[in-house]
Amino acid sequence: MSSIFTKIVNGEIPCYKIAEDDNFLAFLDVNPNAIGHTLCIPKQEINKIFDLDDVLYLGLMQFSKKIAIALEKAVPCKRIGMSVIGLEVPHTHVHLIPLNEMDEMRFQNKVSLSKEEFEALVKKIQENL
């Protein structure tokens, strides 16, 4: 059975897409820890990050770096935190989270955004890519 992220890649489930190329996709987390919380995924469904071959792993890191740089320009923060946990969805994903305090990395406190706020945020991040 396809993961929710594979369904997003295939267009079966909508997302707030920031960027994509042939191998990777970046989109806003719909249950964010902080405004701008972004997920970067390989389009290929692979459960664990260390199961990626070296080319795909390095490509995901390079793609994530590009997104993180744009994200930091678009969202006021002290830095962009990166986390790879992967227990909730069996599809490799990198969390990029704009940080102003450590609690924003704990996945306990969430922020809510309207559809319009998500869409405006996507445009703002894309302007910095």
Protein backbone atom coordinates (compact mmCIF):
# COMPACT_ATOMS: atom_id res chain seq x y z
CA MET A 1 0.00 0.00 0.00
CA SER A 2 1.29 3.45 -0.93
CA SER A 3 2.32 5.84 1.82
CA ILE A 4 0.48 9.14 2.18
CA PHE A 5 3.58 10.81 0.71
CA THR A 6 3.51 8.56 -2.37
CA LYS A 7 -0.13 9.57 -2.81
CA ILE A 8 0.96 13.22 -2.63
CA VAL A 9 3.71 12.57 -5.21
CA ASN A 10 1.16 10.88 -7.48
CA GLY A 11 -1.30 13.77 -7.14
CA GLU A 12 -3.91 11.65 -5.35
CA ILE A 13 -3.74 13.92 -2.28
CA PRO A 14 -3.20 17.69 -2.57
CA CYS A 15 -0.34 19.48 -0.87
CA TYR A 16 1.10 22.95 -0.47
CA LYS A 17 3.96 22.33 -2.89
CA ILE A 18 7.05 24.49 -2.57
CA ALA A 19 9.33 22.82 -5.11
CA GLU A 20 10.01 19.61 -6.95
CA ASP A 21 12.36 18.09 -9.43
CA ASP A 22 12.59 14.64 -11.00
CA ASN A 23 13.57 12.97 -7.72
CA PHE A 24 12.36 15.13 -4.83
CA LEU A 25 9.38 17.09 -3.56
CA ALA A 26 9.11 19.79 -0.86
CA PHE A 27 5.78 20.78 0.66
CA LEU A 28 4.46 22.44 3.78
CA ASP A 29 3.55 20.20 6.71
CA VAL A 30 -0.22 20.57 7.27
CA ASN A 31 0.25 19.97 11.02
CA PRO A 32 3.26 22.24 11.55
CA ASN A 33 5.42 22.71 14.62
CA ALA A 34 6.05 26.28 13.46
CA ILE A 35 5.06 28.50 10.56
CA GLY A 36 7.01 27.28 7.53
CA HIS A 37 7.52 23.66 8.72
CA THR A 38 8.39 21.92 5.47
CA LEU A 39 8.85 18.30 4.44
CA CYS A 40 11.37 17.23 1.80
CA ILE A 41 10.93 13.74 0.41
CA PRO A 42 12.34 11.54 -2.30
CA LYS A 43 9.63 10.73 -4.83
CA GLN A 44 10.66 7.10 -4.61
CA GLU A 45 9.01 5.45 -1.61
CA ILE A 46 11.80 4.20 0.63
CA ASN A 47 10.98 3.71 4.31
CA LYS A 48 14.25 4.62 6.04
CA ILE A 49 16.70 7.38 5.18
CA PHE A 50 19.74 5.13 5.53
CA ASP A 51 18.21 2.70 3.03
CA LEU A 52 18.59 5.38 0.33
CA ASP A 53 21.51 4.73 -1.99
CA ASP A 54 24.30 7.29 -1.72
CA VAL A 55 23.23 9.27 -4.80
CA LEU A 56 19.63 9.62 -3.59
CA TYR A 57 20.71 10.38 -0.02
CA LEU A 58 23.12 13.13 -1.08
CA GLY A 59 20.55 14.46 -3.55
CA LEU A 60 17.93 14.68 -0.78
CA MET A 61 20.37 16.60 1.42
CA GLN A 62 21.23 19.02 -1.42
CA PHE A 63 17.55 19.52 -2.25
CA SER A 64 16.73 20.07 1.44
CA LYS A 65 19.55 22.61 1.77
CA LYS A 66 18.18 24.64 -1.15
CA ILE A 67 14.71 24.64 0.41
CA ALA A 68 16.09 25.50 3.88
CA ILE A 69 17.95 28.54 2.52
CA ALA A 70 14.78 29.85 0.86
CA LEU A 71 12.73 29.06 3.95
CA GLU A 72 15.07 31.00 6.22
CA LYS A 73 14.77 34.04 3.93
CA ALA A 74 10.97 33.79 3.87
CA VAL A 75 10.17 33.09 7.52
CA PRO A 76 11.65 35.16 10.35
CA CYS A 77 13.61 32.77 12.57
CA LYS A 78 16.95 32.25 14.29
CA ARG A 79 17.75 29.22 12.14
CA ILE A 80 16.25 26.27 10.29
CA GLY A 81 16.26 23.04 12.25
CA MET A 82 16.41 19.72 10.46
CA SER A 83 15.09 16.43 11.75
CA VAL A 84 14.69 12.95 10.32
CA ILE A 85 12.48 10.82 12.51
CA GLY A 86 10.24 8.86 10.18
CA LEU A 87 8.14 6.85 12.60
CA GLU A 88 4.80 8.35 11.60
CA VAL A 89 5.02 7.79 7.81
CA PRO A 90 6.99 4.88 6.29
CA HIS A 91 8.52 7.09 3.59
CA THR A 92 11.81 8.92 4.09
CA HIS A 93 11.26 12.57 4.90
CA VAL A 94 13.29 15.49 6.19
CA HIS A 95 11.59 18.03 8.46
CA LEU A 96 12.80 21.61 7.98
CA ILE A 97 11.51 23.76 10.83
CA PRO A 98 12.05 27.50 11.28
CA LEU A 99 13.25 27.85 14.87
CA ASN A 100 13.07 30.62 17.39
CA GLU A 101 13.08 28.28 20.37
CA MET A 102 13.91 24.61 20.97
CA ASP A 103 10.31 23.65 21.74
CA GLU A 104 9.53 24.05 18.05
CA MET A 105 11.56 20.87 17.40
CA ARG A 106 9.72 18.76 19.97
CA PHE A 107 6.64 17.91 17.87
CA GLN A 108 4.39 18.69 20.84
CA ASN A 109 3.12 22.19 20.14
CA LYS A 110 1.47 22.82 16.81
CA VAL A 111 0.40 25.94 14.98
CA SER A 112 -2.70 26.34 12.83
CA LEU A 113 -2.86 28.13 9.52
CA SER A 114 -5.73 28.81 7.15
CA LYS A 115 -5.66 27.66 3.54
CA GLU A 116 -4.94 31.25 2.52
CA GLU A 117 -2.03 31.49 4.98
CA PHE A 118 -0.54 28.23 3.67
CA GLU A 119 -0.87 29.44 0.06
CA ALA A 120 0.71 32.82 0.84
CA LEU A 121 3.57 31.10 2.64
CA VAL A 122 4.24 28.83 -0.34
CA LYS A 123 4.51 31.88 -2.62
CA LYS A 124 6.83 33.67 -0.20
CA ILE A 125 9.17 30.67 0.05
CA GLN A 126 9.10 30.11 -3.73
CA GLU A 127 10.11 33.76 -4.28
CA ASN A 128 13.34 32.97 -2.42
CA LEU A 129 14.28 29.83 -4.34
